[in-house]
Amino acid sequence: MTSPQVDPDVDLRVPGQRREWSRHRFVLPVIAAGGMLGASARYGAARLWPTPEDATPWTTLGVNAAGCLLIGVLMVFVVEVGGAHPLLRPFAGVGVLGGFTTFSTYSVDTVSLLEAGRPGVALGYWGGTLLVALAAVVAGVVVARAGVLAAARLRRRGRRTNRGETGDEQ
C-alpha cells in the first residue's frame, strides 16, 4: 500500500513537475523575506504612532492606504512597463506590501471599536478603510502612469534634440 500524497496535484517524480518546482523554487523564500520586511515596517509604524484604546485606529488606516498606493504604483511598473525581474512582484507586492498592509489588524480594530460600544465609528472605519484603500490603489496607478508617460515624453524629446530637432514646432 502506498502512502497518501500531501498534494495530489504535485508529483516530483514526474520530470515536468520537477522542472516546474526548480523554476519557481525561490518564490516562497522571496515572499517570506519581503513579508518580514513589510510586517516589521508595519510594526514600527504601530510603535511610532500607537492607537489609544477605543480610539480610531488612524495608524492602521494610514498604513493600509500607503501600502495600497504603493501596490498601484508597483503594478503599473511590473505589468504595464515590464522588464522587471520575475521575483519583483512576489517580493515587493506579495511579500513587502502584503506584510505591510494588514487586513487582520483592520478586522481586529473594527471588532474592538464595536466591543467598545462605538458602532458608528466601527462602521465608518470599516467602510472608510475600504474606500480609502481602493482610492489609494487607483491614485497609485494614475500617478505611476503619468510618470511613465512623462518619462516617455522626455526620452522622445531628448532623441529629437540629439538629432538636431528642437521639438518646438507645432
Foldseek 3Di string as FASTA:
>chain_A
DDDDDPDPVADCVDVVSVVVCVVCVCLVVLLQVLLVQQLVVLVVQCVVPPDPQLHQPVSLLVQLLVLLLVLLLVCCCPPVVHPDDPNCCSNVPNRNSVNNRDPPVLVVSLVSNVVVVNPVSSVCSNVVSVVSSVVSSVNSNVVNVVVVVVVVVVVVCVVCVVVVHNPPDD
